[in-house]
N, C-alpha and C. Protein backbone atom coordinates (compact mmCIF):
# COMPACT_ATOMS: atom_id res chain seq x y z
N MET A 1 1.57 -13.93 11.11
CA MET A 1 2.92 -13.87 10.63
C MET A 1 3.73 -13.54 11.90
N GLY A 2 4.67 -14.40 12.10
CA GLY A 2 5.51 -14.29 13.34
C GLY A 2 6.90 -13.86 12.98
N PRO A 3 7.60 -13.58 14.16
CA PRO A 3 8.89 -13.12 13.88
C PRO A 3 9.90 -13.99 13.04
N ALA A 4 9.65 -15.26 13.01
CA ALA A 4 10.52 -16.17 12.19
C ALA A 4 10.25 -15.87 10.75
N THR A 5 8.87 -15.57 10.40
CA THR A 5 8.49 -15.46 9.01
C THR A 5 9.14 -14.06 8.54
N VAL A 6 9.13 -13.05 9.30
CA VAL A 6 9.63 -11.81 8.99
C VAL A 6 11.15 -11.87 8.87
N ALA A 7 11.91 -12.57 9.80
CA ALA A 7 13.30 -12.77 9.77
C ALA A 7 13.74 -13.50 8.54
N ALA A 8 13.04 -14.57 8.11
CA ALA A 8 13.31 -15.34 6.95
C ALA A 8 13.30 -14.40 5.71
N ALA A 9 12.17 -13.55 5.64
CA ALA A 9 12.27 -12.60 4.47
C ALA A 9 13.50 -11.65 4.47
N TRP A 10 13.83 -11.21 5.72
CA TRP A 10 14.91 -10.30 5.72
C TRP A 10 16.21 -10.98 5.39
N GLN A 11 16.49 -12.26 5.80
CA GLN A 11 17.53 -12.99 5.45
C GLN A 11 17.70 -13.17 3.86
N ALA A 12 16.48 -13.32 3.20
CA ALA A 12 16.48 -13.50 1.79
C ALA A 12 16.57 -12.15 1.06
N GLY A 13 16.74 -11.09 1.70
CA GLY A 13 16.86 -9.77 1.12
C GLY A 13 15.41 -9.23 0.71
N GLU A 14 14.43 -9.57 1.37
CA GLU A 14 13.09 -9.17 1.12
C GLU A 14 12.54 -8.62 2.35
N ARG A 15 11.47 -7.98 2.24
CA ARG A 15 10.50 -7.29 3.40
C ARG A 15 9.14 -7.54 3.18
N TRP A 16 8.40 -7.84 4.36
CA TRP A 16 6.92 -7.99 4.16
C TRP A 16 6.37 -6.58 4.11
N ARG A 17 5.28 -6.38 3.16
CA ARG A 17 4.50 -5.08 3.19
C ARG A 17 3.08 -5.43 2.86
N LEU A 18 2.18 -4.77 3.49
CA LEU A 18 0.82 -4.86 3.05
C LEU A 18 0.49 -4.14 1.80
N VAL A 19 0.13 -4.84 0.74
CA VAL A 19 0.02 -4.25 -0.60
C VAL A 19 -1.35 -4.39 -1.12
N CYS A 20 -1.85 -3.33 -1.62
CA CYS A 20 -3.23 -3.29 -2.16
C CYS A 20 -2.99 -3.24 -3.67
N GLU A 21 -3.73 -4.06 -4.46
CA GLU A 21 -3.52 -4.05 -5.91
C GLU A 21 -4.84 -4.08 -6.60
N ALA A 22 -4.91 -3.48 -7.79
CA ALA A 22 -6.10 -3.53 -8.56
C ALA A 22 -5.70 -3.60 -10.03
N TRP A 23 -6.46 -4.34 -10.88
CA TRP A 23 -6.08 -4.44 -12.19
C TRP A 23 -7.54 -4.95 -13.05
N ARG A 24 -7.30 -4.71 -14.25
CA ARG A 24 -8.49 -5.14 -15.10
C ARG A 24 -8.36 -6.55 -15.67
N ALA A 25 -9.43 -7.31 -15.68
CA ALA A 25 -9.44 -8.71 -16.12
C ALA A 25 -10.61 -8.67 -17.11
N GLY A 26 -10.45 -8.25 -18.30
CA GLY A 26 -11.59 -8.15 -19.30
C GLY A 26 -12.34 -6.97 -18.89
N ASP A 27 -13.60 -7.12 -18.72
CA ASP A 27 -14.49 -6.09 -18.28
C ASP A 27 -14.51 -5.83 -16.74
N LEU A 28 -13.88 -6.71 -16.10
CA LEU A 28 -13.93 -6.67 -14.64
C LEU A 28 -12.82 -5.94 -13.97
N LEU A 29 -13.08 -5.26 -12.86
CA LEU A 29 -11.93 -4.68 -12.04
C LEU A 29 -11.65 -5.49 -10.82
N VAL A 30 -10.59 -6.07 -10.66
CA VAL A 30 -10.15 -6.96 -9.65
C VAL A 30 -9.38 -6.37 -8.71
N ALA A 31 -9.49 -6.50 -7.36
CA ALA A 31 -8.69 -5.85 -6.37
C ALA A 31 -8.31 -6.92 -5.38
N ARG A 32 -7.26 -6.71 -4.64
CA ARG A 32 -6.73 -7.69 -3.63
C ARG A 32 -5.91 -6.77 -2.64
N VAL A 33 -5.91 -7.13 -1.40
CA VAL A 33 -5.18 -6.58 -0.31
C VAL A 33 -4.56 -7.63 0.51
N ALA A 34 -3.23 -7.74 0.59
CA ALA A 34 -2.57 -9.02 1.16
C ALA A 34 -1.24 -8.69 1.36
N PRO A 35 -0.64 -9.20 2.57
CA PRO A 35 0.79 -9.09 2.81
C PRO A 35 1.64 -9.74 1.57
N GLN A 36 2.66 -9.10 1.26
CA GLN A 36 3.60 -9.72 0.14
C GLN A 36 5.05 -9.54 0.50
N ARG A 37 5.85 -10.43 0.01
CA ARG A 37 7.19 -10.30 0.29
C ARG A 37 7.79 -9.59 -0.97
N LEU A 38 8.65 -8.51 -0.70
CA LEU A 38 8.90 -7.67 -1.62
C LEU A 38 10.51 -7.61 -1.67
N PRO A 39 11.19 -7.60 -2.81
CA PRO A 39 12.67 -7.36 -2.81
C PRO A 39 12.99 -6.03 -2.31
N LEU A 40 14.07 -5.77 -1.60
CA LEU A 40 14.49 -4.55 -1.14
C LEU A 40 14.75 -3.49 -2.24
N GLU A 41 14.92 -3.88 -3.42
CA GLU A 41 14.92 -2.95 -4.49
C GLU A 41 13.59 -2.38 -4.76
N ASP A 42 12.60 -2.91 -4.41
CA ASP A 42 11.18 -2.42 -4.73
C ASP A 42 11.08 -1.11 -3.85
N PRO A 43 10.48 0.03 -4.54
CA PRO A 43 10.39 1.16 -3.66
C PRO A 43 9.27 1.00 -2.54
N LEU A 44 8.45 0.07 -2.72
CA LEU A 44 7.44 -0.16 -1.63
C LEU A 44 8.01 -0.79 -0.40
N ALA A 45 9.18 -1.53 -0.64
CA ALA A 45 9.70 -2.26 0.43
C ALA A 45 10.51 -1.30 1.49
N ASN A 46 10.85 -0.12 0.91
CA ASN A 46 11.74 0.76 1.65
C ASN A 46 10.89 1.95 2.39
N LEU A 47 9.51 1.92 2.42
CA LEU A 47 8.88 3.14 2.93
C LEU A 47 8.98 3.22 4.51
N PRO A 48 9.11 4.32 4.95
CA PRO A 48 8.98 4.46 6.36
C PRO A 48 7.60 3.87 6.78
N SER A 49 7.44 3.52 8.10
CA SER A 49 6.24 2.89 8.59
C SER A 49 4.85 3.48 8.36
N THR A 50 4.89 4.87 8.34
CA THR A 50 3.57 5.50 8.13
C THR A 50 3.35 6.11 6.77
N ALA A 51 4.34 5.92 5.92
CA ALA A 51 4.26 6.50 4.57
C ALA A 51 3.43 5.62 3.63
N SER A 52 2.85 6.15 2.53
CA SER A 52 2.19 5.18 1.61
C SER A 52 2.60 5.59 0.25
N ALA A 53 2.47 4.70 -0.73
CA ALA A 53 2.88 4.99 -2.10
C ALA A 53 1.84 4.25 -3.10
N LEU A 54 1.90 4.79 -4.24
CA LEU A 54 1.07 4.33 -5.39
C LEU A 54 2.09 3.94 -6.47
N THR A 55 2.02 2.87 -7.01
CA THR A 55 2.70 2.48 -8.17
C THR A 55 1.82 2.21 -9.34
N LEU A 56 1.98 2.92 -10.45
CA LEU A 56 1.23 2.67 -11.62
C LEU A 56 2.01 1.89 -12.71
N GLU A 57 1.53 0.91 -13.22
CA GLU A 57 2.28 0.20 -14.32
C GLU A 57 1.50 0.49 -15.63
N THR A 58 2.17 1.09 -16.59
CA THR A 58 1.45 1.48 -17.76
C THR A 58 2.20 0.95 -18.96
N ASP A 59 1.65 1.03 -20.06
CA ASP A 59 2.30 0.63 -21.38
C ASP A 59 3.38 1.55 -21.74
N ILE A 60 3.25 2.79 -21.32
CA ILE A 60 4.22 3.75 -21.80
C ILE A 60 5.35 4.02 -20.81
N LEU A 61 4.87 4.31 -19.58
CA LEU A 61 5.96 4.75 -18.56
C LEU A 61 6.45 3.44 -17.77
N ASP A 62 6.05 2.35 -17.98
CA ASP A 62 6.42 1.10 -17.21
C ASP A 62 5.96 1.32 -15.89
N ARG A 63 6.81 1.58 -14.90
CA ARG A 63 6.31 1.72 -13.58
C ARG A 63 6.82 3.12 -13.11
N LEU A 64 5.65 3.75 -12.58
CA LEU A 64 5.79 5.10 -11.93
C LEU A 64 5.25 5.08 -10.60
N THR A 65 6.13 5.54 -9.55
CA THR A 65 5.72 5.25 -8.15
C THR A 65 5.71 6.69 -7.55
N LEU A 66 4.53 7.00 -6.86
CA LEU A 66 4.33 8.21 -6.15
C LEU A 66 4.42 7.87 -4.65
N ILE A 67 5.20 8.66 -3.84
CA ILE A 67 5.32 8.30 -2.53
C ILE A 67 4.84 9.54 -1.61
N GLU A 68 3.92 9.26 -0.65
CA GLU A 68 3.52 10.26 0.33
C GLU A 68 4.42 10.02 1.55
N GLY A 69 4.95 11.32 2.04
CA GLY A 69 5.70 11.19 3.29
C GLY A 69 5.10 10.61 4.40
N PRO A 70 5.85 10.39 5.45
CA PRO A 70 5.18 9.74 6.62
C PRO A 70 4.09 10.56 7.21
N ALA A 71 2.91 9.99 7.50
CA ALA A 71 1.78 10.67 8.08
C ALA A 71 1.90 11.10 9.54
N GLY A 72 1.64 12.30 9.77
CA GLY A 72 1.67 12.75 11.17
C GLY A 72 0.14 12.86 11.83
N PRO A 73 0.15 13.47 12.83
CA PRO A 73 -1.15 13.56 13.56
C PRO A 73 -2.26 14.37 12.74
N ARG A 74 -1.76 15.39 11.93
CA ARG A 74 -2.78 16.11 11.21
C ARG A 74 -3.36 15.24 10.01
N THR A 75 -2.47 14.49 9.35
CA THR A 75 -2.95 13.58 8.26
C THR A 75 -3.82 12.43 8.73
N THR A 76 -3.55 11.92 10.00
CA THR A 76 -4.48 10.94 10.59
C THR A 76 -5.78 11.53 11.04
N ALA A 77 -5.71 12.75 11.56
CA ALA A 77 -6.91 13.41 12.05
C ALA A 77 -7.84 13.73 10.80
N TYR A 78 -7.22 14.18 9.74
CA TYR A 78 -8.06 14.52 8.48
C TYR A 78 -8.68 13.16 8.01
N GLY A 79 -7.95 12.11 7.95
CA GLY A 79 -8.54 10.87 7.55
C GLY A 79 -9.66 10.37 8.41
N MET A 80 -9.50 10.55 9.74
CA MET A 80 -10.56 10.16 10.65
C MET A 80 -11.80 11.11 10.40
N LEU A 81 -11.47 12.41 10.20
CA LEU A 81 -12.67 13.17 10.01
C LEU A 81 -13.47 12.93 8.82
N ALA A 82 -12.71 12.67 7.72
CA ALA A 82 -13.30 12.34 6.44
C ALA A 82 -14.11 11.05 6.41
N ASP A 83 -13.53 10.12 7.21
CA ASP A 83 -14.30 8.84 7.43
C ASP A 83 -15.59 9.06 8.20
N ALA A 84 -15.55 9.89 9.27
CA ALA A 84 -16.72 10.12 10.13
C ALA A 84 -17.70 10.88 9.27
N ILE A 85 -17.33 11.88 8.38
CA ILE A 85 -18.30 12.55 7.56
C ILE A 85 -18.94 11.67 6.54
N ASN A 86 -18.19 10.71 5.96
CA ASN A 86 -18.68 9.70 4.98
C ASN A 86 -19.71 8.76 5.71
N ILE A 87 -19.28 8.32 6.89
CA ILE A 87 -20.19 7.43 7.63
C ILE A 87 -21.60 8.14 7.96
N ALA A 88 -21.46 9.43 8.33
CA ALA A 88 -22.78 10.28 8.64
C ALA A 88 -23.61 10.44 7.48
N ARG A 89 -22.86 10.55 6.25
CA ARG A 89 -23.62 10.58 4.91
C ARG A 89 -24.18 9.23 4.43
N GLY A 90 -23.76 8.24 5.06
CA GLY A 90 -24.23 6.89 4.59
C GLY A 90 -23.44 6.39 3.46
N ARG A 91 -22.22 6.80 3.24
CA ARG A 91 -21.43 6.38 2.21
C ARG A 91 -20.54 5.24 2.75
N ARG A 92 -20.26 4.34 1.74
CA ARG A 92 -19.35 3.24 2.13
C ARG A 92 -18.16 3.16 1.19
N GLU A 93 -17.35 4.19 1.04
CA GLU A 93 -16.29 4.15 0.22
C GLU A 93 -14.96 3.99 0.87
């Protein structure tokens, strides 16, 4: 994805974000991670660069979005430590 692709999305009132999705298809759990163009009204489109969010779509609440503030060095270090421990334990989660 180059600057022209990003600029075209911005001109259209959208922003590119890396989106992870998971859903049920019958008895299967399907997951996908891919860049997506999101409208600026979408909460995921306006996150600061190191923030993350989880949007749940339910039959009762419709869409519920939880946002984690921008990650700092402590959050990054914790994630790296957790990954190293899981690797040492032989886990691949």
